[in-house]
Amino acid sequence: MGRINKRETGREYEQKAADFLRGRGYKIIKQNYYCHYGEIDIIAEEGGYTIFVEVKYRKNGMSGSPEEAVNHIKRQHIRQAAMDFLVKNYGTEEIPCRFDIVAITGNQIHLIKNAF
């Protein structure tokens, strides 16, 4: 699969994840936030929290679960990008926040709240 197809697939499943989250009361603030630390797929608000969401898709479980792909290094980049977002948008890191994962395997969507 080529790089462009992976990007298109990623966008498609990130949009499915955003729709899924909206259906659970999340207010989507931003999708695909980029900074020099990396990318955050979805930034949302729910229950008084700013939530940074990583979306992972696998066609099937043969190469492991989607959430297993969010390793220590990936989590570190997401945390750094989240701090960048908070400072740029709120002027402080002292905002109640959490990190969720939307894991998609085939047509099944699973939300992992406070994943890390």
Protein backbone atom coordinates (compact mmCIF):
# COMPACT_ATOMS: atom_id res chain seq x y z
CA MET A 1 0.00 0.00 0.00
CA GLY A 2 1.41 3.37 -0.97
CA ARG A 3 1.91 6.38 1.28
CA ILE A 4 -1.01 8.32 -0.24
CA ASN A 5 -3.39 5.40 0.24
CA LYS A 6 -2.33 5.10 3.89
CA ARG A 7 -3.02 8.81 4.40
CA GLU A 8 -6.42 8.51 2.74
CA THR A 9 -7.25 5.45 4.84
CA GLY A 10 -6.08 7.27 7.96
CA ARG A 11 -8.28 10.28 7.19
CA GLU A 12 -11.27 8.03 6.53
CA TYR A 13 -10.96 6.25 9.88
CA GLU A 14 -10.17 9.47 11.76
CA GLN A 15 -13.45 10.86 10.40
CA LYS A 16 -15.29 7.70 11.51
CA ALA A 17 -13.72 8.09 14.94
CA ALA A 18 -14.77 11.77 15.13
CA ASP A 19 -18.36 10.83 14.22
CA PHE A 20 -18.27 8.03 16.81
CA LEU A 21 -17.05 10.46 19.48
CA ARG A 22 -19.69 13.07 18.58
CA GLY A 23 -22.30 10.37 19.09
CA ARG A 24 -20.99 9.95 22.64
CA GLY A 25 -21.20 13.63 23.52
CA TYR A 26 -17.69 14.75 22.62
CA LYS A 27 -17.33 18.19 21.05
CA ILE A 28 -14.61 18.03 18.39
CA ILE A 29 -12.31 21.06 18.64
CA LYS A 30 -9.69 20.14 16.05
CA GLN A 31 -8.65 17.28 13.84
CA ASN A 32 -5.07 16.67 12.73
CA TYR A 33 -3.22 19.11 14.97
CA TYR A 34 0.39 19.31 13.81
CA CYS A 35 3.39 20.81 15.59
CA HIS A 36 7.11 20.04 15.67
CA TYR A 37 6.50 17.30 18.32
CA GLY A 38 4.11 15.36 16.11
CA GLU A 39 0.42 15.05 15.34
CA ILE A 40 -2.71 14.63 17.40
CA ASP A 41 -5.52 12.99 15.44
CA ILE A 42 -8.46 14.53 17.33
CA ILE A 43 -8.76 17.12 20.06
CA ALA A 44 -12.13 17.23 21.77
CA GLU A 45 -13.96 18.35 24.89
CA GLU A 46 -16.08 16.12 27.08
CA GLY A 47 -17.07 16.21 30.73
CA GLY A 48 -14.96 19.29 31.50
CA TYR A 49 -11.81 17.78 29.98
CA THR A 50 -9.77 18.60 26.92
CA ILE A 51 -9.18 15.20 25.35
CA PHE A 52 -6.36 14.23 23.02
CA VAL A 53 -7.41 11.23 20.94
CA GLU A 54 -5.18 8.86 19.01
CA VAL A 55 -6.98 6.88 16.32
CA LYS A 56 -5.58 3.49 15.30
CA TYR A 57 -7.01 1.20 12.64
CA ARG A 58 -6.26 -2.41 11.77
CA LYS A 59 -8.02 -4.36 9.05
CA ASN A 60 -8.03 -7.38 11.36
CA GLY A 61 -6.29 -8.56 14.53
CA MET A 62 -3.56 -10.52 12.75
CA SER A 63 -0.93 -7.83 13.32
CA GLY A 64 -1.99 -7.09 16.89
CA SER A 65 -4.62 -4.81 18.33
CA PRO A 66 -4.73 -1.18 17.22
CA GLU A 67 -4.06 0.13 20.73
CA GLU A 68 -0.83 -1.90 20.92
CA ALA A 69 0.54 0.38 18.20
CA VAL A 70 0.40 3.34 20.61
CA ASN A 71 3.75 2.53 22.18
CA HIS A 72 5.81 4.49 24.71
CA ILE A 73 7.48 6.67 22.07
CA LYS A 74 4.16 7.48 20.34
CA ARG A 75 2.61 8.37 23.72
CA GLN A 76 5.54 10.66 24.52
CA HIS A 77 5.10 12.52 21.20
CA ILE A 78 1.35 12.86 21.79
CA ARG A 79 1.93 14.24 25.31
CA GLN A 80 4.46 16.78 24.01
CA ALA A 81 2.12 17.84 21.18
CA ALA A 82 -0.73 18.14 23.70
CA MET A 83 1.32 20.45 25.91
CA ASP A 84 2.17 22.51 22.82
CA PHE A 85 -1.54 22.78 21.97
CA LEU A 86 -2.52 23.76 25.53
CA VAL A 87 0.11 26.49 25.79
CA LYS A 88 -0.66 27.91 22.33
CA ASN A 89 -4.44 27.85 22.81
CA TYR A 90 -4.93 28.42 26.55
CA GLY A 91 -1.65 29.99 27.62
CA THR A 92 -1.01 27.23 30.16
CA GLU A 93 -0.55 23.49 30.54
CA GLU A 94 -2.74 23.56 33.66
CA ILE A 95 -5.95 22.46 31.91
CA PRO A 96 -7.80 19.28 32.91
CA CYS A 97 -7.05 16.85 30.10
CA ARG A 98 -6.81 13.18 29.30
CA PHE A 99 -5.61 10.89 26.54
CA ASP A 100 -8.04 8.51 24.84
CA ILE A 101 -7.55 5.96 22.08
CA VAL A 102 -10.15 5.04 19.47
CA ALA A 103 -9.20 1.55 18.32
CA ILE A 104 -10.82 0.37 15.10
CA THR A 105 -10.55 -3.25 13.98
CA GLY A 106 -12.47 -3.96 10.80
CA ASN A 107 -15.87 -2.38 11.47
CA GLN A 108 -15.62 -2.52 15.27
CA ILE A 109 -14.86 0.71 17.15
CA HIS A 110 -13.65 0.63 20.73
CA LEU A 111 -13.05 3.70 22.92
CA ILE A 112 -10.37 3.51 25.57
CA LYS A 113 -10.81 6.46 27.92
CA ASN A 114 -7.81 7.69 29.88
CA ALA A 115 -5.61 5.24 27.96
CA PHE A 116 -2.35 6.79 29.19
